[in-house]
C-alpha atoms as a PDB file:
ATOM      1  CA  UNK A   1      20.808  18.909  12.782  1.00  0.00           C
ATOM      2  CA  UNK A   2      20.454  22.618  12.120  1.00  0.00           C
ATOM      3  CA  UNK A   3      17.578  23.991  10.080  1.00  0.00           C
ATOM      4  CA  UNK A   4      20.130  25.156   7.540  1.00  0.00           C
ATOM      5  CA  UNK A   5      21.390  21.604   7.086  1.00  0.00           C
ATOM      6  CA  UNK A   6      17.808  20.359   6.807  1.00  0.00           C
ATOM      7  CA  UNK A   7      17.035  22.951   4.163  1.00  0.00           C
ATOM      8  CA  UNK A   8      20.107  21.880   2.198  1.00  0.00           C
ATOM      9  CA  UNK A   9      18.711  18.352   2.216  1.00  0.00           C
ATOM     10  CA  UNK A  10      15.323  19.692   1.124  1.00  0.00           C
ATOM     11  CA  UNK A  11      16.982  21.453  -1.811  1.00  0.00           C
ATOM     12  CA  UNK A  12      18.713  18.199  -2.740  1.00  0.00           C
ATOM     13  CA  UNK A  13      15.425  16.297  -2.566  1.00  0.00           C
ATOM     14  CA  UNK A  14      13.756  18.880  -4.800  1.00  0.00           C
ATOM     15  CA  UNK A  15      16.618  18.737  -7.303  1.00  0.00           C
ATOM     16  CA  UNK A  16      16.302  14.954  -7.556  1.00  0.00           C
ATOM     17  CA  UNK A  17      12.912  15.468  -9.240  1.00  0.00           C
ATOM     18  CA  UNK A  18      14.660  16.992 -12.236  1.00  0.00           C
ATOM     19  CA  UNK A  19      15.549  13.451 -13.301  1.00  0.00           C
ATOM     20  CA  UNK A  20      13.665  10.317 -12.172  1.00  0.00           C
ATOM     21  CA  UNK A  21      13.594   9.735  -8.427  1.00  0.00           C
ATOM     22  CA  UNK A  22      12.968   6.110  -7.420  1.00  0.00           C
ATOM     23  CA  UNK A  23      11.906   5.575  -3.816  1.00  0.00           C
ATOM     24  CA  UNK A  24      11.717   2.081  -2.286  1.00  0.00           C
ATOM     25  CA  UNK A  25       9.569   3.071   0.706  1.00  0.00           C
ATOM     26  CA  UNK A  26      10.792   2.165   4.206  1.00  0.00           C
ATOM     27  CA  UNK A  27       9.077   1.636   7.539  1.00  0.00           C
ATOM     28  CA  UNK A  28      11.783   1.642  10.226  1.00  0.00           C
ATOM     29  CA  UNK A  29      15.411   2.522  10.855  1.00  0.00           C
ATOM     30  CA  UNK A  30      16.798  -0.793   9.654  1.00  0.00           C
ATOM     31  CA  UNK A  31      14.812  -0.845   6.405  1.00  0.00           C
ATOM     32  CA  UNK A  32      16.032   2.710   5.776  1.00  0.00           C
ATOM     33  CA  UNK A  33      19.642   1.599   6.290  1.00  0.00           C
ATOM     34  CA  UNK A  34      19.134  -1.335   3.898  1.00  0.00           C
ATOM     35  CA  UNK A  35      17.591   0.879   1.198  1.00  0.00           C
ATOM     36  CA  UNK A  36      20.406   3.403   1.607  1.00  0.00           C
ATOM     37  CA  UNK A  37      22.918   0.552   1.219  1.00  0.00           C
ATOM     38  CA  UNK A  38      21.160  -0.422  -2.022  1.00  0.00           C
ATOM     39  CA  UNK A  39      22.009   2.984  -3.482  1.00  0.00           C
ATOM     40  CA  UNK A  40      18.873   5.066  -2.962  1.00  0.00           C
ATOM     41  CA  UNK A  41      19.324   8.817  -3.379  1.00  0.00           C
ATOM     42  CA  UNK A  42      16.592   9.660  -0.867  1.00  0.00           C
ATOM     43  CA  UNK A  43      14.447   7.844   1.657  1.00  0.00           C
ATOM     44  CA  UNK A  44      10.637   7.822   1.677  1.00  0.00           C
ATOM     45  CA  UNK A  45       8.523   6.331   4.419  1.00  0.00           C
ATOM     46  CA  UNK A  46       5.374   4.276   3.929  1.00  0.00           C
ATOM     47  CA  UNK A  47       2.557   4.970   6.365  1.00  0.00           C
ATOM     48  CA  UNK A  48       1.156   1.512   5.604  1.00  0.00           C
ATOM     49  CA  UNK A  49       4.427  -0.157   6.565  1.00  0.00           C
ATOM     50  CA  UNK A  50       4.800   1.932   9.710  1.00  0.00           C
ATOM     51  CA  UNK A  51       1.249   1.019  10.724  1.00  0.00           C
ATOM     52  CA  UNK A  52       1.673  -2.691   9.967  1.00  0.00           C
ATOM     53  CA  UNK A  53       4.913  -2.791  11.973  1.00  0.00           C
ATOM     54  CA  UNK A  54       2.931  -1.432  14.929  1.00  0.00           C
ATOM     55  CA  UNK A  55       0.134  -3.967  14.473  1.00  0.00           C
ATOM     56  CA  UNK A  56      -2.277  -1.427  12.943  1.00  0.00           C
ATOM     57  CA  UNK A  57      -4.185  -1.451   9.653  1.00  0.00           C
ATOM     58  CA  UNK A  58      -3.337   1.077   6.980  1.00  0.00           C
ATOM     59  CA  UNK A  59      -5.455   4.169   6.437  1.00  0.00           C
ATOM     60  CA  UNK A  60      -5.051   7.095   8.847  1.00  0.00           C
ATOM     61  CA  UNK A  61      -4.794   4.790  11.886  1.00  0.00           C
ATOM     62  CA  UNK A  62      -1.593   6.339  13.173  1.00  0.00           C
ATOM     63  CA  UNK A  63      -1.473   9.513  15.187  1.00  0.00           C
ATOM     64  CA  UNK A  64       0.854  12.443  14.705  1.00  0.00           C
ATOM     65  CA  UNK A  65       3.158  11.389  17.537  1.00  0.00           C
ATOM     66  CA  UNK A  66       3.492   7.782  16.364  1.00  0.00           C
ATOM     67  CA  UNK A  67       4.046   8.750  12.748  1.00  0.00           C
ATOM     68  CA  UNK A  68       6.655  11.408  13.421  1.00  0.00           C
ATOM     69  CA  UNK A  69       8.441   9.256  16.008  1.00  0.00           C
ATOM     70  CA  UNK A  70       8.938   6.687  13.232  1.00  0.00           C
ATOM     71  CA  UNK A  71      10.245   9.463  10.983  1.00  0.00           C
ATOM     72  CA  UNK A  72      12.757  10.420  13.657  1.00  0.00           C
ATOM     73  CA  UNK A  73      14.103   6.878  13.951  1.00  0.00           C
ATOM     74  CA  UNK A  74      14.402   6.610  10.174  1.00  0.00           C
ATOM     75  CA  UNK A  75      16.060  10.006   9.720  1.00  0.00           C
ATOM     76  CA  UNK A  76      18.501   9.141  12.487  1.00  0.00           C
ATOM     77  CA  UNK A  77      19.615   6.011  10.643  1.00  0.00           C
ATOM     78  CA  UNK A  78      20.626   7.613   7.322  1.00  0.00           C
ATOM     79  CA  UNK A  79      22.348  10.683   5.950  1.00  0.00           C
ATOM     80  CA  UNK A  80      20.012  10.948   2.947  1.00  0.00           C
ATOM     81  CA  UNK A  81      17.050  13.328   2.591  1.00  0.00           C
ATOM     82  CA  UNK A  82      13.939  11.821   4.170  1.00  0.00           C
ATOM     83  CA  UNK A  83      10.427  12.464   2.932  1.00  0.00           C
ATOM     84  CA  UNK A  84       7.636  11.367   5.252  1.00  0.00           C
ATOM     85  CA  UNK A  85       4.277   9.873   4.375  1.00  0.00           C
ATOM     86  CA  UNK A  86       2.061  12.006   6.599  1.00  0.00           C
ATOM     87  CA  UNK A  87      -1.199  10.609   5.199  1.00  0.00           C
ATOM     88  CA  UNK A  88      -3.919  13.251   5.575  1.00  0.00           C
ATOM     89  CA  UNK A  89      -1.890  15.353   7.995  1.00  0.00           C
ATOM     90  CA  UNK A  90      -3.471  13.695  11.066  1.00  0.00           C
ATOM     91  CA  UNK A  91      -6.369  16.104  11.211  1.00  0.00           C
ATOM     92  CA  UNK A  92      -8.739  17.883   8.875  1.00  0.00           C
ATOM     93  CA  UNK A  93      -7.858  21.499   9.555  1.00  0.00           C
ATOM     94  CA  UNK A  94      -4.954  23.560   8.232  1.00  0.00           C
ATOM     95  CA  UNK A  95      -3.780  23.978  11.823  1.00  0.00           C
ATOM     96  CA  UNK A  96      -3.637  20.178  12.216  1.00  0.00           C
ATOM     97  CA  UNK A  97      -1.513  19.905   9.074  1.00  0.00           C
ATOM     98  CA  UNK A  98       0.799  22.690  10.229  1.00  0.00           C
ATOM     99  CA  UNK A  99       1.359  20.955  13.572  1.00  0.00           C
ATOM    100  CA  UNK A 100       2.151  17.687  11.790  1.00  0.00           C
ATOM    101  CA  UNK A 101       4.632  19.324   9.428  1.00  0.00           C
ATOM    102  CA  UNK A 102       6.373  21.049  12.329  1.00  0.00           C
ATOM    103  CA  UNK A 103       6.677  17.710  14.126  1.00  0.00           C
ATOM    104  CA  UNK A 104       7.967  15.983  10.992  1.00  0.00           C
ATOM    105  CA  UNK A 105      10.642  18.637  10.469  1.00  0.00           C
ATOM    106  CA  UNK A 106      11.659  18.395  14.127  1.00  0.00           C
ATOM    107  CA  UNK A 107      12.060  14.648  13.528  1.00  0.00           C
ATOM    108  CA  UNK A 108      14.354  15.248  10.549  1.00  0.00           C
ATOM    109  CA  UNK A 109      12.055  15.109   7.510  1.00  0.00           C
ATOM    110  CA  UNK A 110      12.661  17.468   4.608  1.00  0.00           C
ATOM    111  CA  UNK A 111       9.561  16.568   2.609  1.00  0.00           C
ATOM    112  CA  UNK A 112       6.185  14.926   2.961  1.00  0.00           C
ATOM    113  CA  UNK A 113       3.199  13.367   1.253  1.00  0.00           C
ATOM    114  CA  UNK A 114      -0.083  15.087   2.059  1.00  0.00           C
ATOM    115  CA  UNK A 115      -3.324  13.429   0.931  1.00  0.00           C
ATOM    116  CA  UNK A 116      -6.599  15.049  -0.051  1.00  0.00           C
ATOM    117  CA  UNK A 117      -8.505  11.995   1.219  1.00  0.00           C
ATOM    118  CA  UNK A 118     -10.231  11.597   4.538  1.00  0.00           C
ATOM    119  CA  UNK A 119     -11.190   8.174   5.902  1.00  0.00           C
ATOM    120  CA  UNK A 120     -12.081   5.562   3.303  1.00  0.00           C
ATOM    121  CA  UNK A 121     -15.613   6.074   2.007  1.00  0.00           C
ATOM    122  CA  UNK A 122     -15.727   9.774   2.880  1.00  0.00           C
ATOM    123  CA  UNK A 123     -15.552  12.538   0.255  1.00  0.00           C
ATOM    124  CA  UNK A 124     -12.162  13.933  -0.617  1.00  0.00           C
ATOM    125  CA  UNK A 125     -11.295  17.376   0.626  1.00  0.00           C
ATOM    126  CA  UNK A 126     -12.423  19.903  -1.934  1.00  0.00           C
ATOM    127  CA  UNK A 127      -9.586  21.435  -3.946  1.00  0.00           C
ATOM    128  CA  UNK A 128     -10.004  24.656  -1.982  1.00  0.00           C
ATOM    129  CA  UNK A 129      -9.912  22.850   1.374  1.00  0.00           C
ATOM    130  CA  UNK A 130      -6.804  20.949   0.365  1.00  0.00           C
ATOM    131  CA  UNK A 131      -5.174  24.118  -0.940  1.00  0.00           C
ATOM    132  CA  UNK A 132      -5.592  25.706   2.491  1.00  0.00           C
ATOM    133  CA  UNK A 133      -4.018  22.638   4.078  1.00  0.00           C
ATOM    134  CA  UNK A 134      -1.068  22.725   1.648  1.00  0.00           C
ATOM    135  CA  UNK A 135      -0.594  26.439   2.268  1.00  0.00           C
ATOM    136  CA  UNK A 136      -0.520  25.761   6.004  1.00  0.00           C
ATOM    137  CA  UNK A 137       2.120  23.088   5.465  1.00  0.00           C
ATOM    138  CA  UNK A 138       4.237  25.511   3.455  1.00  0.00           C
ATOM    139  CA  UNK A 139       3.876  28.266   6.047  1.00  0.00           C
ATOM    140  CA  UNK A 140       4.829  25.853   8.831  1.00  0.00           C
ATOM    141  CA  UNK A 141       7.927  24.757   6.928  1.00  0.00           C
ATOM    142  CA  UNK A 142       9.001  28.351   6.316  1.00  0.00           C
ATOM    143  CA  UNK A 143       8.493  29.229   9.968  1.00  0.00           C
ATOM    144  CA  UNK A 144      10.522  26.153  10.963  1.00  0.00           C
ATOM    145  CA  UNK A 145      13.456  27.333   8.862  1.00  0.00           C
ATOM    146  CA  UNK A 146      13.046  24.787   6.045  1.00  0.00           C
ATOM    147  CA  UNK A 147      11.418  26.855   3.279  1.00  0.00           C
ATOM    148  CA  UNK A 148      12.409  24.333   0.588  1.00  0.00           C
ATOM    149  CA  UNK A 149      10.543  21.503   2.345  1.00  0.00           C
ATOM    150  CA  UNK A 150       9.160  19.336  -0.483  1.00  0.00           C
ATOM    151  CA  UNK A 151       5.382  18.910  -0.416  1.00  0.00           C
ATOM    152  CA  UNK A 152       4.225  15.957  -2.503  1.00  0.00           C
ATOM    153  CA  UNK A 153       0.510  16.673  -2.893  1.00  0.00           C
ATOM    154  CA  UNK A 154      -1.364  13.403  -3.173  1.00  0.00           C
ATOM    155  CA  UNK A 155      -4.760  13.237  -4.814  1.00  0.00           C
ATOM    156  CA  UNK A 156      -6.813  10.062  -4.448  1.00  0.00           C
ATOM    157  CA  UNK A 157      -9.200  10.735  -7.332  1.00  0.00           C
ATOM    158  CA  UNK A 158      -7.990   7.665  -9.237  1.00  0.00           C
ATOM    159  CA  UNK A 159      -7.193   5.481  -6.227  1.00  0.00           C
ATOM    160  CA  UNK A 160     -10.727   5.773  -4.839  1.00  0.00           C
ATOM    161  CA  UNK A 161     -12.344   6.142  -8.280  1.00  0.00           C
ATOM    162  CA  UNK A 162     -13.984   9.467  -7.508  1.00  0.00           C
ATOM    163  CA  UNK A 163     -16.517  10.556 -10.123  1.00  0.00           C
ATOM    164  CA  UNK A 164     -17.032   9.098 -13.574  1.00  0.00           C
ATOM    165  CA  UNK A 165     -13.927   7.681 -15.271  1.00  0.00           C
ATOM    166  CA  UNK A 166     -13.982  10.239 -18.074  1.00  0.00           C
ATOM    167  CA  UNK A 167     -14.190  13.093 -15.536  1.00  0.00           C
ATOM    168  CA  UNK A 168     -11.188  12.055 -13.447  1.00  0.00           C
ATOM    169  CA  UNK A 169      -8.379  13.410 -15.661  1.00  0.00           C
ATOM    170  CA  UNK A 170      -9.860  16.912 -15.643  1.00  0.00           C
ATOM    171  CA  UNK A 171     -10.451  16.711 -11.885  1.00  0.00           C
ATOM    172  CA  UNK A 172      -6.795  15.758 -11.319  1.00  0.00           C
ATOM    173  CA  UNK A 173      -5.519  18.495 -13.629  1.00  0.00           C
ATOM    174  CA  UNK A 174      -7.666  21.077 -11.868  1.00  0.00           C
ATOM    175  CA  UNK A 175      -6.483  19.939  -8.457  1.00  0.00           C
ATOM    176  CA  UNK A 176      -2.876  19.972  -9.636  1.00  0.00           C
ATOM    177  CA  UNK A 177      -3.082  23.636 -10.638  1.00  0.00           C
ATOM    178  CA  UNK A 178      -4.738  24.637  -7.367  1.00  0.00           C
ATOM    179  CA  UNK A 179      -2.311  22.600  -5.266  1.00  0.00           C
ATOM    180  CA  UNK A 180       0.673  24.063  -7.110  1.00  0.00           C
ATOM    181  CA  UNK A 181      -0.557  27.595  -6.463  1.00  0.00           C
ATOM    182  CA  UNK A 182      -0.941  26.715  -2.778  1.00  0.00           C
ATOM    183  CA  UNK A 183       2.693  25.632  -2.489  1.00  0.00           C
ATOM    184  CA  UNK A 184       2.938  21.990  -3.596  1.00  0.00           C
ATOM    185  CA  UNK A 185       6.170  20.837  -5.259  1.00  0.00           C
ATOM    186  CA  UNK A 186       4.969  17.608  -6.892  1.00  0.00           C
ATOM    187  CA  UNK A 187       1.771  15.710  -7.609  1.00  0.00           C
ATOM    188  CA  UNK A 188       1.205  12.147  -6.381  1.00  0.00           C
ATOM    189  CA  UNK A 189      -1.538  10.221  -8.208  1.00  0.00           C
ATOM    190  CA  UNK A 190      -1.771   6.673  -6.810  1.00  0.00           C
ATOM    191  CA  UNK A 191      -4.078   4.379  -8.726  1.00  0.00           C
ATOM    192  CA  UNK A 192      -3.053   5.722 -12.134  1.00  0.00           C
ATOM    193  CA  UNK A 193      -0.662   3.443 -14.032  1.00  0.00           C
ATOM    194  CA  UNK A 194      -2.029   3.605 -17.565  1.00  0.00           C
ATOM    195  CA  UNK A 195       0.938   4.889 -19.545  1.00  0.00           C
ATOM    196  CA  UNK A 196      -1.083   6.864 -22.076  1.00  0.00           C
ATOM    197  CA  UNK A 197      -3.044   8.572 -19.303  1.00  0.00           C
ATOM    198  CA  UNK A 198       0.158   9.297 -17.375  1.00  0.00           C
ATOM    199  CA  UNK A 199       1.754  10.755 -20.488  1.00  0.00           C
ATOM    200  CA  UNK A 200      -1.232  13.042 -20.970  1.00  0.00           C
ATOM    201  CA  UNK A 201      -1.131  14.091 -17.306  1.00  0.00           C
ATOM    202  CA  UNK A 202       2.604  14.745 -17.141  1.00  0.00           C
ATOM    203  CA  UNK A 203       2.459  16.869 -20.281  1.00  0.00           C
ATOM    204  CA  UNK A 204      -0.418  18.994 -19.011  1.00  0.00           C
ATOM    205  CA  UNK A 205       0.464  19.862 -15.399  1.00  0.00           C
ATOM    206  CA  UNK A 206       3.177  22.091 -14.036  1.00  0.00           C
ATOM    207  CA  UNK A 207       4.352  19.745 -11.286  1.00  0.00           C
ATOM    208  CA  UNK A 208       6.560  16.635 -11.397  1.00  0.00           C
ATOM    209  CA  UNK A 209       4.261  13.610 -11.226  1.00  0.00           C
ATOM    210  CA  UNK A 210       4.701  10.757  -8.744  1.00  0.00           C
ATOM    211  CA  UNK A 211       3.318   7.328  -9.674  1.00  0.00           C
ATOM    212  CA  UNK A 212       2.908   4.461  -7.210  1.00  0.00           C
ATOM    213  CA  UNK A 213       4.277   1.292  -8.773  1.00  0.00           C
ATOM    214  CA  UNK A 214       4.895  -2.273  -7.653  1.00  0.00           C
ATOM    215  CA  UNK A 215       4.531  -5.832  -8.904  1.00  0.00           C
ATOM    216  CA  UNK A 216       2.520  -5.855 -12.142  1.00  0.00           C
ATOM    217  CA  UNK A 217       3.060  -2.153 -12.817  1.00  0.00           C
ATOM    218  CA  UNK A 218       4.959  -0.686 -15.759  1.00  0.00           C
ATOM    219  CA  UNK A 219       8.717  -0.657 -15.281  1.00  0.00           C
ATOM    220  CA  UNK A 220      10.651   2.340 -14.050  1.00  0.00           C
ATOM    221  CA  UNK A 221      11.876   2.926 -17.607  1.00  0.00           C
ATOM    222  CA  UNK A 222       8.324   2.823 -18.995  1.00  0.00           C
ATOM    223  CA  UNK A 223       7.037   5.219 -16.352  1.00  0.00           C
ATOM    224  CA  UNK A 224       9.942   7.564 -16.962  1.00  0.00           C
ATOM    225  CA  UNK A 225       9.239   7.492 -20.699  1.00  0.00           C
ATOM    226  CA  UNK A 226       5.668   8.573 -19.885  1.00  0.00           C
ATOM    227  CA  UNK A 227       7.063  11.640 -18.128  1.00  0.00           C
ATOM    228  CA  UNK A 228       6.820  10.426 -14.515  1.00  0.00           C
ATOM    229  CA  UNK A 229       9.543  11.974 -12.376  1.00  0.00           C
ATOM    230  CA  UNK A 230       9.003  10.262  -9.032  1.00  0.00           C
ATOM    231  CA  UNK A 231       8.279   6.556  -8.537  1.00  0.00           C
ATOM    232  CA  UNK A 232       7.432   5.042  -5.169  1.00  0.00           C
ATOM    233  CA  UNK A 233       6.081   1.645  -4.148  1.00  0.00           C
ATOM    234  CA  UNK A 234       3.976   2.296  -1.049  1.00  0.00           C
ATOM    235  CA  UNK A 235       3.913  -0.778   1.192  1.00  0.00           C
ATOM    236  CA  UNK A 236       5.087  -3.211  -1.503  1.00  0.00           C
ATOM    237  CA  UNK A 237       8.671  -3.484  -0.253  1.00  0.00           C
ATOM    238  CA  UNK A 238       7.433  -4.111   3.271  1.00  0.00           C
ATOM    239  CA  UNK A 239       5.135  -6.871   2.020  1.00  0.00           C
ATOM    240  CA  UNK A 240       8.021  -8.353   0.034  1.00  0.00           C
ATOM    241  CA  UNK A 241      10.064  -8.492   3.241  1.00  0.00           C
ATOM    242  CA  UNK A 242       7.232 -10.313   5.010  1.00  0.00           C
ATOM    243  CA  UNK A 243       6.888 -12.704   2.087  1.00  0.00           C
ATOM    244  CA  UNK A 244      10.612 -13.490   2.173  1.00  0.00           C
ATOM    245  CA  UNK A 245      10.487 -14.076   5.932  1.00  0.00           C
ATOM    246  CA  UNK A 246       7.479 -16.363   5.519  1.00  0.00           C
ATOM    247  CA  UNK A 247       9.196 -18.370   2.788  1.00  0.00           C
ATOM    248  CA  UNK A 248      12.314 -18.829   4.900  1.00  0.00           C
ATOM    249  CA  UNK A 249      10.283 -19.756   7.978  1.00  0.00           C
ATOM    250  CA  UNK A 250       8.247 -22.350   6.066  1.00  0.00           C
ATOM    251  CA  UNK A 251      11.422 -23.973   4.736  1.00  0.00           C
ATOM    252  CA  UNK A 252      13.024 -24.011   8.175  1.00  0.00           C
ATOM    253  CA  UNK A 253       9.953 -25.501   9.850  1.00  0.00           C
ATOM    254  CA  UNK A 254       9.158 -28.050   7.141  1.00  0.00           C
ATOM    255  CA  UNK A 255      12.594 -29.218   5.995  1.00  0.00           C
ATOM    256  CA  UNK A 256      15.063 -27.849   8.513  1.00  0.00           C
ATOM    257  CA  UNK A 257      17.108 -26.270   5.718  1.00  0.00           C
ATOM    258  CA  UNK A 258      18.148 -22.712   4.964  1.00  0.00           C
ATOM    259  CA  UNK A 259      17.992 -22.286   1.198  1.00  0.00           C
ATOM    260  CA  UNK A 260      15.608 -19.325   1.404  1.00  0.00           C
ATOM    261  CA  UNK A 261      17.925 -17.468   3.774  1.00  0.00           C
ATOM    262  CA  UNK A 262      20.105 -15.010   1.805  1.00  0.00           C
ATOM    263  CA  UNK A 263      23.659 -14.287   2.870  1.00  0.00           C
ATOM    264  CA  UNK A 264      23.094 -11.712   5.615  1.00  0.00           C
ATOM    265  CA  UNK A 265      26.622 -10.394   5.916  1.00  0.00           C
ATOM    266  CA  UNK A 266      26.235  -7.185   3.898  1.00  0.00           C
ATOM    267  CA  UNK A 267      22.803  -6.464   5.339  1.00  0.00           C
ATOM    268  CA  UNK A 268      24.034  -7.045   8.874  1.00  0.00           C
ATOM    269  CA  UNK A 269      26.663  -4.369   8.412  1.00  0.00           C
ATOM    270  CA  UNK A 270      23.992  -1.874   7.418  1.00  0.00           C
ATOM    271  CA  UNK A 271      21.411  -2.858  10.001  1.00  0.00           C
ATOM    272  CA  UNK A 272      23.440  -3.802  13.052  1.00  0.00           C
ATOM    273  CA  UNK A 273      26.760  -2.032  12.685  1.00  0.00           C
ATOM    274  CA  UNK A 274      25.658   1.362  11.362  1.00  0.00           C
END
């Protein structure tokens, strides 16, 4: 696909944030085809799901080559815009991030998540450090011919409970402003699902806000009412697929029946016959 075609997809992905973009995250080509069949407007990967499918734990355990190879298989399976979960950019430096973004674009991605966290238990990148990394991602995208590449800047202040609870909202707002100035297109705040706090955040930052939902979270309608413009589910869909497979396997092994097996005909067309 030409860089012009990729940039058209990037523009479409960016425009989808003007309403509410719901992203059931995928981990391989077949899950991407199934989610596209369900009616998704864009495809987002989950680094957790990609790692689990490779027998790895979540949390920066993939390398650049493995992560972007998965992106390539996913992008090759669908015609929709693909945004890639690139974790922390697979390296601390701006140059590392730039190399990862170039590889993701070469694989067919037109957007990415980029975290300000390091390994679990380590301090987050400072806002200034992360700004330099976001700027490097933007410069790499421009140089690759995809200037509208959508950078979803993820801050893990709430997820990892950084600082005192009453200090976190101001920390996130400050990071949002710095990340926006560096070239971010949206703000991803996993770990924050309190509707009042989300409403306050969405009304006070200049970027569309991405919440990470899943079982037990507010509904899509409730999150949208709080001003959230992008809703993803991380590894929850992948875990749901494992849970369904386990339930069907238990029934088969214990009773020899197939009640937990859904009719596969429509799914088979998407997965096998695409």
